[in-house]
Amino acid sequence: HETIIHRPKVLLDDATPAGNSIAASVFWRLGELTNDQHYKNIAVETTKACWDYLSAYPAAHCSLLKVLQDLL
C-alpha cells in the first residue's frame, strides 16, 4: 500500500453528501446551540472556500446549498 501524496477533498455530493458540507452544517448547528461564534465562523469559512464550485455547479452541491440557506 503506497503512501498518498495528496488526499483530495471531495466537494460534490454523490450517493452520500460531501463531508465538508456535513461538517459545515454540524459546526453551524453547534454554534447556534452553544451561541459560540467560533463554530459559526468555521461554517462560514468552509462555505466561502467552496464558493467557486458552488456557484459554478449548484445542482452538484445540494448539501452545501442547505448550509448556505442556514447561514443566510
N, C-alpha and C. Protein backbone atom coordinates (compact mmCIF):
# COMPACT_ATOMS: atom_id res chain seq x y z
N HIS A 1 0.85 -1.17 0.00
CA HIS A 1 0.00 0.00 0.00
C HIS A 1 0.90 1.23 0.00
N GLU A 2 0.81 2.04 -1.05
CA GLU A 2 1.65 3.22 -1.18
C GLU A 2 1.10 4.39 -0.35
N THR A 3 1.97 5.32 -0.03
CA THR A 3 1.53 6.49 0.71
C THR A 3 0.86 7.47 -0.25
N ILE A 4 -0.11 8.18 0.26
CA ILE A 4 -0.85 9.14 -0.55
C ILE A 4 -0.12 10.48 -0.51
N ILE A 5 0.21 10.99 -1.68
CA ILE A 5 0.88 12.29 -1.77
C ILE A 5 -0.11 13.42 -1.53
N HIS A 6 -1.28 13.26 -2.09
CA HIS A 6 -2.31 14.29 -1.98
C HIS A 6 -3.65 13.62 -1.70
N ARG A 7 -4.30 14.02 -0.64
CA ARG A 7 -5.62 13.48 -0.34
C ARG A 7 -6.65 14.50 -0.81
N PRO A 8 -7.39 14.18 -1.87
CA PRO A 8 -8.36 15.14 -2.40
C PRO A 8 -9.54 15.35 -1.45
N LYS A 9 -10.05 16.57 -1.46
CA LYS A 9 -11.25 16.88 -0.68
C LYS A 9 -12.43 16.84 -1.63
N VAL A 10 -13.31 15.94 -1.39
CA VAL A 10 -14.48 15.80 -2.24
C VAL A 10 -15.51 16.85 -1.85
N LEU A 11 -15.90 17.68 -2.81
CA LEU A 11 -16.87 18.73 -2.54
C LEU A 11 -18.23 18.41 -3.15
N LEU A 12 -18.26 17.50 -4.10
CA LEU A 12 -19.51 17.15 -4.77
C LEU A 12 -20.30 16.14 -3.97
N ASP A 13 -21.62 16.31 -3.98
CA ASP A 13 -22.48 15.30 -3.39
C ASP A 13 -22.56 14.12 -4.35
N ASP A 14 -22.57 12.95 -3.79
CA ASP A 14 -22.72 11.72 -4.57
C ASP A 14 -23.94 11.00 -3.99
N ALA A 15 -23.85 9.72 -3.81
CA ALA A 15 -24.94 8.99 -3.15
C ALA A 15 -25.07 9.43 -1.70
N THR A 16 -23.97 9.92 -1.14
CA THR A 16 -23.97 10.49 0.20
C THR A 16 -23.51 11.95 0.10
N PRO A 17 -23.91 12.78 1.02
CA PRO A 17 -23.48 14.18 0.99
C PRO A 17 -21.97 14.30 1.18
N ALA A 18 -21.41 15.36 0.65
CA ALA A 18 -19.98 15.61 0.79
C ALA A 18 -19.63 15.87 2.26
N GLY A 19 -18.48 15.39 2.67
CA GLY A 19 -18.05 15.52 4.05
C GLY A 19 -17.88 16.95 4.51
N ASN A 20 -17.37 17.82 3.64
CA ASN A 20 -17.17 19.22 4.01
C ASN A 20 -18.50 19.92 4.29
N SER A 21 -19.50 19.61 3.51
CA SER A 21 -20.79 20.26 3.74
C SER A 21 -21.45 19.75 5.02
N ILE A 22 -21.29 18.47 5.31
CA ILE A 22 -21.82 17.93 6.57
C ILE A 22 -21.09 18.56 7.76
N ALA A 23 -19.78 18.69 7.65
CA ALA A 23 -19.01 19.32 8.73
C ALA A 23 -19.44 20.77 8.92
N ALA A 24 -19.63 21.50 7.83
CA ALA A 24 -20.06 22.90 7.94
C ALA A 24 -21.44 22.98 8.60
N SER A 25 -22.32 22.06 8.24
CA SER A 25 -23.65 22.05 8.84
C SER A 25 -23.58 21.77 10.33
N VAL A 26 -22.75 20.83 10.71
CA VAL A 26 -22.61 20.47 12.13
C VAL A 26 -22.02 21.64 12.91
N PHE A 27 -21.00 22.29 12.35
CA PHE A 27 -20.41 23.43 13.06
C PHE A 27 -21.41 24.57 13.19
N TRP A 28 -22.22 24.82 12.16
CA TRP A 28 -23.21 25.89 12.26
C TRP A 28 -24.23 25.58 13.34
N ARG A 29 -24.73 24.34 13.36
CA ARG A 29 -25.71 23.96 14.37
C ARG A 29 -25.12 24.01 15.77
N LEU A 30 -23.88 23.58 15.91
CA LEU A 30 -23.21 23.63 17.20
C LEU A 30 -23.06 25.08 17.66
N GLY A 31 -22.71 25.96 16.73
CA GLY A 31 -22.61 27.38 17.07
C GLY A 31 -23.94 27.97 17.48
N GLU A 32 -25.01 27.54 16.82
CA GLU A 32 -26.34 28.02 17.18
C GLU A 32 -26.76 27.52 18.56
N LEU A 33 -26.47 26.26 18.83
CA LEU A 33 -26.88 25.68 20.12
C LEU A 33 -26.09 26.23 21.29
N THR A 34 -24.79 26.47 21.09
CA THR A 34 -23.94 26.93 22.19
C THR A 34 -23.73 28.44 22.18
N ASN A 35 -24.24 29.10 21.13
CA ASN A 35 -24.05 30.54 20.95
C ASN A 35 -22.56 30.89 20.92
N ASP A 36 -21.78 30.04 20.28
CA ASP A 36 -20.33 30.22 20.15
C ASP A 36 -20.00 30.65 18.72
N GLN A 37 -19.54 31.86 18.55
CA GLN A 37 -19.26 32.42 17.23
C GLN A 37 -18.12 31.68 16.53
N HIS A 38 -17.22 31.09 17.27
CA HIS A 38 -16.09 30.36 16.67
C HIS A 38 -16.59 29.24 15.75
N TYR A 39 -17.56 28.48 16.21
CA TYR A 39 -18.10 27.38 15.40
C TYR A 39 -18.83 27.92 14.17
N LYS A 40 -19.54 29.01 14.35
CA LYS A 40 -20.24 29.61 13.21
C LYS A 40 -19.24 30.11 12.17
N ASN A 41 -18.14 30.67 12.62
CA ASN A 41 -17.11 31.15 11.69
C ASN A 41 -16.51 30.01 10.88
N ILE A 42 -16.35 28.84 11.48
CA ILE A 42 -15.83 27.69 10.74
C ILE A 42 -16.79 27.32 9.62
N ALA A 43 -18.08 27.33 9.90
CA ALA A 43 -19.08 27.02 8.87
C ALA A 43 -19.05 28.05 7.75
N VAL A 44 -18.92 29.31 8.11
CA VAL A 44 -18.88 30.37 7.10
C VAL A 44 -17.62 30.25 6.24
N GLU A 45 -16.49 30.02 6.85
CA GLU A 45 -15.24 29.90 6.11
C GLU A 45 -15.23 28.67 5.20
N THR A 46 -15.82 27.58 5.64
CA THR A 46 -15.92 26.39 4.80
C THR A 46 -16.77 26.68 3.58
N THR A 47 -17.88 27.38 3.78
CA THR A 47 -18.75 27.73 2.67
C THR A 47 -18.05 28.68 1.71
N LYS A 48 -17.32 29.64 2.24
CA LYS A 48 -16.56 30.56 1.39
C LYS A 48 -15.51 29.84 0.57
N ALA A 49 -14.86 28.86 1.16
CA ALA A 49 -13.81 28.12 0.47
C ALA A 49 -14.38 27.31 -0.70
N CYS A 50 -15.62 26.93 -0.61
CA CYS A 50 -16.26 26.12 -1.65
C CYS A 50 -17.09 26.98 -2.62
N TRP A 51 -17.08 28.28 -2.45
CA TRP A 51 -17.99 29.15 -3.19
C TRP A 51 -17.82 29.04 -4.72
N ASP A 52 -16.60 28.97 -5.22
CA ASP A 52 -16.40 28.89 -6.67
C ASP A 52 -17.07 27.66 -7.26
N TYR A 53 -16.92 26.53 -6.59
CA TYR A 53 -17.55 25.30 -7.06
C TYR A 53 -19.06 25.36 -6.90
N LEU A 54 -19.50 25.92 -5.80
CA LEU A 54 -20.93 26.02 -5.53
C LEU A 54 -21.63 26.90 -6.55
N SER A 55 -21.04 28.02 -6.89
CA SER A 55 -21.68 28.93 -7.84
C SER A 55 -21.60 28.40 -9.27
N ALA A 56 -20.58 27.60 -9.59
CA ALA A 56 -20.45 27.05 -10.93
C ALA A 56 -21.39 25.87 -11.16
N TYR A 57 -21.54 25.01 -10.15
CA TYR A 57 -22.35 23.79 -10.28
C TYR A 57 -23.27 23.62 -9.07
N PRO A 58 -24.28 24.45 -8.92
CA PRO A 58 -25.11 24.38 -7.72
C PRO A 58 -25.86 23.06 -7.56
N ALA A 59 -26.25 22.42 -8.66
CA ALA A 59 -27.00 21.16 -8.57
C ALA A 59 -26.16 20.02 -8.02
N ALA A 60 -24.85 20.15 -8.08
CA ALA A 60 -23.96 19.10 -7.59
C ALA A 60 -23.58 19.30 -6.13
N HIS A 61 -24.09 20.37 -5.52
CA HIS A 61 -23.72 20.69 -4.14
C HIS A 61 -24.97 20.96 -3.29
N CYS A 62 -25.93 20.06 -3.35
CA CYS A 62 -27.19 20.29 -2.65
C CYS A 62 -27.02 20.43 -1.13
N SER A 63 -26.17 19.62 -0.55
CA SER A 63 -25.99 19.70 0.90
C SER A 63 -25.28 21.00 1.30
N LEU A 64 -24.39 21.48 0.44
CA LEU A 64 -23.74 22.76 0.72
C LEU A 64 -24.72 23.92 0.53
N LEU A 65 -25.64 23.78 -0.41
CA LEU A 65 -26.69 24.79 -0.57
C LEU A 65 -27.57 24.86 0.68
N LYS A 66 -27.80 23.72 1.30
CA LYS A 66 -28.57 23.70 2.55
C LYS A 66 -27.83 24.45 3.65
N VAL A 67 -26.52 24.27 3.71
CA VAL A 67 -25.72 25.02 4.70
C VAL A 67 -25.80 26.51 4.40
N LEU A 68 -25.70 26.88 3.14
CA LEU A 68 -25.79 28.29 2.77
C LEU A 68 -27.15 28.87 3.16
N GLN A 69 -28.19 28.10 2.97
CA GLN A 69 -29.53 28.54 3.38
C GLN A 69 -29.57 28.77 4.89
N ASP A 70 -28.97 27.88 5.66
CA ASP A 70 -28.93 28.05 7.12
C ASP A 70 -28.15 29.30 7.50
N LEU A 71 -27.04 29.56 6.79
CA LEU A 71 -26.22 30.72 7.10
C LEU A 71 -26.97 32.02 6.83
N LEU A 72 -27.76 32.00 5.77
CA LEU A 72 -28.50 33.22 5.41
C LEU A 72 -29.75 33.38 6.25
